[in-house]
Amino acid sequence: MPSVSPSLAAAMSDAAASVNETLERILPKTDFAERKLFDAMRYGALNGGKRLRPFLVKSAASLFGVSDDCVMRTAAAVECVHCYSLIHDDLPAMDNSDLRRGMPTVHKKYDEATAILAGDALLTIAFEILSDPRTHEDPKVRCNLIAALAKSSGVNGMVGGQMLDLIAETTELDIGAITRLQRMKTGELIAFSAEAGAILGKASVQHHNALRAYAHDLGLAFQIIDDLLDAEGTEEETGKSVGRDAKAGKATFVTILGAERARSQAKLLSQQAVHHLSVFDGRAKFLEDVASFVVDRKG
């Protein structure tokens, strides 16, 4: 991890290991005829990744003393939704990518129909996880988690943003439209990840809003860097196909602002994200540090 303090690197590694263990335990296995689907789900969810969203869940929840079991089940649910979105995003009908996390994409490893079903199954199991009393003893908290995740991943969030992303291949968008697209496609699920910690901890409105504002700025900075990596990075660095936006003729932050201004905007958003955390009086150090990591990353 470039430009990451040893303490942040260790914390991110620990969060990744914890969510991997939780996913390994929760994701189903079978010897029945539909085993191929189960294997594809596990392949799509367990083969690496930064696990940024689980890290945000864990770091935000730590501010409110939430138990590890509640945290990691919620983090696993978020990661299931994220992995489902990657599986579908890589399909020929979407980005048509062959490589993800340095390995063949799910539809290349298996086939397109299996990839669609694996994504569907990961999405639905996320809500199964959140609805389980083991995720939180308070049913109101569980309902709030389910509602917030549904909103952030649905038509007013990630899925709606993906539709706008497809429209961007044939329609010229201005910077305002691209910002809205990316806030929906990437930012809303990142925002939920931080917000989930506040929901689990039954946080005050002030703390809840601070985490959501932080994550919205963080998510937009993350996507700008993604655009830069797609334009300037290599498959070896990123672990995925690059140059997709240019090939599709898609307007991005980079094509509109230029690389230098886009990078400056990402840094500004990172600084704004950190400012939102001032209400925690220095107790959100890992969340502050990850805002720098997002803009300095190479993959």
Protein backbone atom coordinates (compact mmCIF):
# COMPACT_ATOMS: atom_id res chain seq x y z
CA MET A 1 0.00 0.00 0.00
CA PRO A 2 1.72 3.21 -1.11
CA SER A 3 1.94 6.27 1.16
CA VAL A 4 0.35 4.46 4.09
CA SER A 5 1.58 4.70 7.66
CA PRO A 6 2.51 1.34 9.24
CA SER A 7 -0.36 1.69 11.72
CA LEU A 8 -2.93 2.31 8.97
CA ALA A 9 -1.54 -0.50 6.83
CA ALA A 10 -1.79 -2.88 9.80
CA ALA A 11 -5.34 -1.73 10.58
CA MET A 12 -6.47 -2.15 6.97
CA SER A 13 -4.83 -5.56 6.77
CA ASP A 14 -6.53 -6.61 10.01
CA ALA A 15 -9.93 -5.44 8.76
CA ALA A 16 -9.42 -7.28 5.46
CA ALA A 17 -8.45 -10.48 7.24
CA SER A 18 -11.44 -10.22 9.58
CA VAL A 19 -13.97 -9.68 6.80
CA ASN A 20 -12.40 -12.48 4.76
CA GLU A 21 -12.83 -14.85 7.70
CA THR A 22 -16.44 -13.72 8.12
CA LEU A 23 -17.21 -14.13 4.40
CA GLU A 24 -15.53 -17.53 4.37
CA ARG A 25 -17.81 -18.61 7.20
CA ILE A 26 -21.04 -17.03 5.91
CA LEU A 27 -20.90 -17.68 2.18
CA PRO A 28 -22.57 -21.02 1.46
CA LYS A 29 -21.06 -24.20 0.05
CA THR A 30 -22.86 -27.17 -1.42
CA ASP A 31 -22.34 -30.49 -3.15
CA PHE A 32 -25.69 -30.27 -4.95
CA ALA A 33 -26.06 -29.68 -8.69
CA GLU A 34 -25.98 -25.90 -8.29
CA ARG A 35 -22.47 -26.00 -6.82
CA LYS A 36 -21.12 -23.95 -9.75
CA LEU A 37 -23.14 -20.96 -8.55
CA PHE A 38 -21.83 -21.26 -5.00
CA ASP A 39 -18.26 -21.56 -6.26
CA ALA A 40 -18.69 -18.46 -8.46
CA MET A 41 -20.06 -16.46 -5.52
CA ARG A 42 -17.06 -17.37 -3.41
CA TYR A 43 -14.64 -16.73 -6.27
CA GLY A 44 -16.09 -13.26 -6.82
CA ALA A 45 -16.07 -12.34 -3.12
CA LEU A 46 -12.96 -13.99 -1.68
CA ASN A 47 -10.23 -13.24 -4.23
CA GLY A 48 -8.53 -10.21 -2.71
CA GLY A 49 -9.40 -6.54 -2.90
CA LYS A 50 -8.60 -3.60 -0.64
CA ARG A 51 -11.72 -4.19 1.50
CA LEU A 52 -12.00 -0.42 1.90
CA ARG A 53 -15.72 -0.50 2.68
CA PRO A 54 -15.36 -3.05 5.51
CA PHE A 55 -12.51 -0.93 6.88
CA LEU A 56 -14.78 2.11 6.94
CA VAL A 57 -17.50 0.12 8.71
CA LYS A 58 -15.03 -1.09 11.32
CA SER A 59 -13.33 2.28 11.85
CA ALA A 60 -16.60 4.20 12.16
CA ALA A 61 -18.16 1.61 14.48
CA SER A 62 -15.10 1.70 16.74
CA LEU A 63 -16.01 5.30 17.62
CA PHE A 64 -19.14 4.00 19.34
CA GLY A 65 -17.92 0.80 20.99
CA VAL A 66 -19.82 -1.62 18.75
CA SER A 67 -19.03 -5.32 19.24
CA ASP A 68 -16.76 -7.02 16.70
CA ASP A 69 -19.38 -9.61 15.72
CA CYS A 70 -21.91 -6.92 14.78
CA VAL A 71 -19.26 -4.94 12.94
CA MET A 72 -17.89 -7.79 10.86
CA ARG A 73 -21.29 -9.15 9.86
CA THR A 74 -22.28 -5.68 8.66
CA ALA A 75 -18.93 -5.27 6.90
CA ALA A 76 -19.43 -8.63 5.18
CA ALA A 77 -22.87 -7.56 3.96
CA VAL A 78 -21.43 -4.37 2.45
CA GLU A 79 -18.65 -6.31 0.77
CA CYS A 80 -21.15 -8.77 -0.71
CA VAL A 81 -22.98 -5.86 -2.35
CA HIS A 82 -19.71 -4.36 -3.57
CA CYS A 83 -18.53 -7.68 -5.03
CA TYR A 84 -21.88 -8.24 -6.72
CA SER A 85 -21.52 -4.83 -8.37
CA LEU A 86 -18.02 -5.68 -9.63
CA ILE A 87 -19.18 -9.00 -11.11
CA HIS A 88 -22.00 -7.31 -13.00
CA ASP A 89 -19.88 -4.28 -13.93
CA ASP A 90 -17.33 -6.58 -15.62
CA LEU A 91 -19.93 -8.29 -17.83
CA PRO A 92 -19.82 -7.81 -21.64
CA ALA A 93 -23.04 -5.80 -21.48
CA MET A 94 -21.36 -3.34 -19.10
CA ASP A 95 -17.58 -2.74 -19.09
CA ASN A 96 -16.62 -6.04 -20.76
CA SER A 97 -13.56 -6.58 -18.55
CA ASP A 98 -11.38 -9.67 -18.52
CA LEU A 99 -9.36 -8.90 -15.39
CA ARG A 100 -10.33 -8.06 -11.81
CA ARG A 101 -7.98 -8.04 -8.81
CA GLY A 102 -5.31 -9.52 -11.04
CA MET A 103 -7.41 -12.56 -11.90
CA PRO A 104 -9.94 -13.51 -14.60
CA THR A 105 -13.34 -11.90 -14.03
CA VAL A 106 -16.18 -14.16 -12.91
CA HIS A 107 -17.76 -14.43 -16.35
CA LYS A 108 -14.38 -15.39 -17.80
CA LYS A 109 -13.71 -17.95 -15.08
CA TYR A 110 -17.20 -19.45 -15.36
CA ASP A 111 -19.68 -18.00 -17.90
CA GLU A 112 -21.95 -14.98 -18.28
CA ALA A 113 -25.13 -16.60 -16.97
CA THR A 114 -23.35 -17.93 -13.88
CA ALA A 115 -21.78 -14.51 -13.28
CA ILE A 116 -25.20 -12.82 -13.38
CA LEU A 117 -26.61 -15.34 -10.90
CA ALA A 118 -23.56 -15.09 -8.63
CA GLY A 119 -24.01 -11.32 -8.48
CA ASP A 120 -27.73 -11.71 -7.77
CA ALA A 121 -26.98 -14.19 -5.00
CA LEU A 122 -24.36 -11.96 -3.35
CA LEU A 123 -26.78 -9.01 -3.38
CA THR A 124 -29.57 -10.95 -1.74
CA ILE A 125 -27.39 -12.66 0.85
CA ALA A 126 -26.26 -9.22 2.02
CA PHE A 127 -29.79 -8.47 3.23
CA GLU A 128 -30.10 -11.94 4.72
CA ILE A 129 -26.99 -11.17 6.80
CA LEU A 130 -28.30 -7.80 7.98
CA SER A 131 -31.72 -9.21 8.92
CA ASP A 132 -30.19 -11.85 11.22
CA PRO A 133 -30.39 -11.07 14.98
CA ARG A 134 -26.67 -11.93 15.21
CA THR A 135 -25.96 -8.71 13.31
CA HIS A 136 -27.62 -6.64 16.04
CA GLU A 137 -30.00 -7.51 18.87
CA ASP A 138 -32.16 -4.42 18.23
CA PRO A 139 -34.58 -5.04 15.32
CA LYS A 140 -34.85 -1.29 14.70
CA VAL A 141 -31.10 -1.11 14.09
CA ARG A 142 -31.32 -4.05 11.69
CA CYS A 143 -34.19 -2.40 9.81
CA ASN A 144 -32.26 0.87 9.60
CA LEU A 145 -29.22 -0.95 8.20
CA ILE A 146 -31.35 -2.76 5.60
CA ALA A 147 -33.13 0.43 4.53
CA ALA A 148 -29.90 2.43 4.26
CA LEU A 149 -28.09 -0.28 2.28
CA ALA A 150 -31.06 -0.73 -0.05
CA LYS A 151 -31.17 3.01 -0.74
CA SER A 152 -27.42 3.34 -1.31
CA SER A 153 -27.24 0.35 -3.65
CA GLY A 154 -30.50 0.84 -5.59
CA VAL A 155 -31.93 3.18 -8.21
CA ASN A 156 -31.04 6.31 -6.22
CA GLY A 157 -27.55 5.01 -5.54
CA MET A 158 -25.18 2.52 -7.11
CA VAL A 159 -27.53 0.96 -9.69
CA GLY A 160 -28.82 4.34 -10.82
CA GLY A 161 -25.24 5.54 -11.10
CA GLN A 162 -24.36 2.55 -13.25
CA MET A 163 -27.22 3.44 -15.59
CA LEU A 164 -25.84 6.97 -15.88
CA ASP A 165 -22.42 5.47 -16.54
CA LEU A 166 -23.84 3.56 -19.51
CA ILE A 167 -25.60 6.70 -20.77
CA ALA A 168 -22.25 8.53 -20.58
CA GLU A 169 -20.93 6.29 -23.36
CA THR A 170 -23.35 7.82 -25.87
CA THR A 171 -24.26 11.19 -24.32
CA GLU A 172 -21.95 14.07 -23.50
CA LEU A 173 -22.12 14.90 -19.80
CA ASP A 174 -20.92 18.06 -18.09
CA ILE A 175 -18.97 18.12 -14.83
CA GLY A 176 -22.14 18.43 -12.75
CA ALA A 177 -23.70 15.35 -14.33
CA ILE A 178 -20.48 13.36 -13.93
CA THR A 179 -20.25 14.36 -10.28
CA ARG A 180 -23.83 13.17 -9.72
CA LEU A 181 -23.07 9.94 -11.60
CA GLN A 182 -20.05 9.15 -9.44
CA ARG A 183 -21.70 10.12 -6.18
CA MET A 184 -24.40 7.60 -6.99
CA LYS A 185 -22.29 4.84 -8.54
CA THR A 186 -19.41 4.86 -6.05
CA GLY A 187 -20.08 7.40 -3.33
CA GLU A 188 -23.36 6.12 -1.94
CA LEU A 189 -22.06 2.68 -0.96
CA ILE A 190 -18.93 4.21 0.55
CA ALA A 191 -21.15 6.65 2.44
CA PHE A 192 -23.25 3.76 3.76
CA SER A 193 -20.11 1.99 4.94
CA ALA A 194 -19.24 4.86 7.27
CA GLU A 195 -22.90 5.51 8.12
CA ALA A 196 -23.32 1.86 9.13
CA GLY A 197 -20.97 2.40 12.06
CA ALA A 198 -23.19 5.22 13.29
CA ILE A 199 -26.35 3.12 12.83
CA LEU A 200 -24.84 0.19 14.73
CA GLY A 201 -23.69 2.50 17.52
CA LYS A 202 -26.99 4.43 17.69
CA ALA A 203 -24.96 7.60 17.26
CA SER A 204 -26.20 11.16 17.59
CA VAL A 205 -27.50 12.99 14.54
CA GLN A 206 -24.39 15.18 14.59
CA HIS A 207 -22.01 12.22 14.50
CA HIS A 208 -24.14 10.39 11.97
CA ASN A 209 -24.17 13.38 9.60
CA ALA A 210 -20.43 13.97 10.05
CA LEU A 211 -19.60 10.42 8.99
CA ARG A 212 -21.91 10.59 6.00
CA ALA A 213 -20.45 13.92 4.83
CA TYR A 214 -16.94 12.53 5.30
CA ALA A 215 -17.73 9.44 3.24
CA HIS A 216 -19.42 11.38 0.43
CA ASP A 217 -16.29 13.49 -0.11
CA LEU A 218 -14.11 10.40 0.28
CA GLY A 219 -16.16 8.48 -2.30
CA LEU A 220 -15.88 11.24 -4.89
CA ALA A 221 -12.13 11.52 -4.33
CA PHE A 222 -11.88 7.74 -4.70
CA GLN A 223 -13.66 7.82 -8.07
CA ILE A 224 -11.53 10.66 -9.42
CA ILE A 225 -8.43 8.61 -8.64
CA ASP A 226 -10.08 5.62 -10.30
CA ASP A 227 -10.53 7.72 -13.44
CA LEU A 228 -6.87 8.74 -13.28
CA LEU A 229 -5.73 5.14 -12.83
CA ASP A 230 -7.85 4.06 -15.80
CA ALA A 231 -6.23 6.78 -17.91
CA GLU A 232 -2.64 6.53 -16.64
CA GLY A 233 -2.24 3.25 -14.77
CA THR A 234 -1.22 -0.23 -15.90
CA GLU A 235 -2.91 -3.59 -15.45
CA GLU A 236 0.02 -4.67 -13.26
CA GLU A 237 -0.53 -1.72 -10.90
CA THR A 238 -4.31 -1.77 -10.78
CA GLY A 239 -5.02 -5.49 -11.10
CA LYS A 240 -7.76 -4.77 -13.64
CA SER A 241 -8.21 -3.71 -17.24
CA VAL A 242 -7.30 -0.06 -17.93
CA GLY A 243 -8.12 2.40 -20.70
CA ARG A 244 -11.78 1.37 -20.68
CA ASP A 245 -13.17 4.90 -20.42
CA ALA A 246 -11.18 6.16 -23.41
CA LYS A 247 -12.14 3.12 -25.44
CA ALA A 248 -15.82 3.74 -24.68
CA GLY A 249 -15.49 7.45 -25.47
CA LYS A 250 -16.78 8.25 -22.01
CA ALA A 251 -16.49 11.68 -20.39
CA THR A 252 -14.80 11.49 -16.96
CA PHE A 253 -13.28 13.89 -14.45
CA VAL A 254 -9.98 13.41 -16.26
CA THR A 255 -11.27 14.15 -19.76
CA ILE A 256 -13.07 17.29 -18.59
CA LEU A 257 -10.63 18.66 -16.00
CA GLY A 258 -7.37 17.21 -17.23
CA ALA A 259 -5.16 14.98 -15.10
CA GLU A 260 -3.54 17.73 -13.03
CA ARG A 261 -6.78 19.50 -12.09
CA ALA A 262 -8.51 16.17 -11.42
CA ARG A 263 -5.74 15.15 -9.03
CA SER A 264 -5.93 18.53 -7.26
CA GLN A 265 -9.70 18.14 -6.91
CA ALA A 266 -9.27 14.70 -5.36
CA LYS A 267 -6.81 16.11 -2.82
CA LEU A 268 -9.20 18.94 -1.98
CA LEU A 269 -12.04 16.48 -1.42
CA SER A 270 -9.76 14.39 0.79
CA GLN A 271 -9.02 17.44 2.92
CA GLN A 272 -12.72 18.30 3.14
CA ALA A 273 -13.46 14.73 4.22
CA VAL A 274 -10.98 15.00 7.08
CA HIS A 275 -12.49 18.33 8.16
CA HIS A 276 -15.88 16.67 8.68
CA LEU A 277 -14.28 14.43 11.31
CA SER A 278 -13.33 17.31 13.62
CA VAL A 279 -16.42 16.57 15.74
CA PHE A 280 -14.66 13.41 16.98
CA ASP A 281 -11.79 15.38 18.58
CA GLY A 282 -8.97 13.30 17.09
CA ARG A 283 -10.55 9.91 17.82
CA ALA A 284 -11.10 9.14 14.11
CA LYS A 285 -7.40 8.97 13.16
CA PHE A 286 -7.72 5.92 10.90
CA LEU A 287 -10.58 7.54 9.00
CA GLU A 288 -8.46 10.66 8.58
CA ASP A 289 -5.49 8.61 7.35
CA VAL A 290 -7.54 6.60 4.86
CA ALA A 291 -8.58 9.84 3.17
CA SER A 292 -4.90 10.35 2.27
CA PHE A 293 -4.50 6.72 1.24
CA VAL A 294 -7.39 6.98 -1.24
CA VAL A 295 -5.77 9.79 -3.21
CA ASP A 296 -2.24 8.32 -3.11
CA ARG A 297 -3.11 4.77 -4.10
CA LYS A 298 -1.89 3.11 -7.31
CA GLY A 299 -4.54 0.42 -7.54
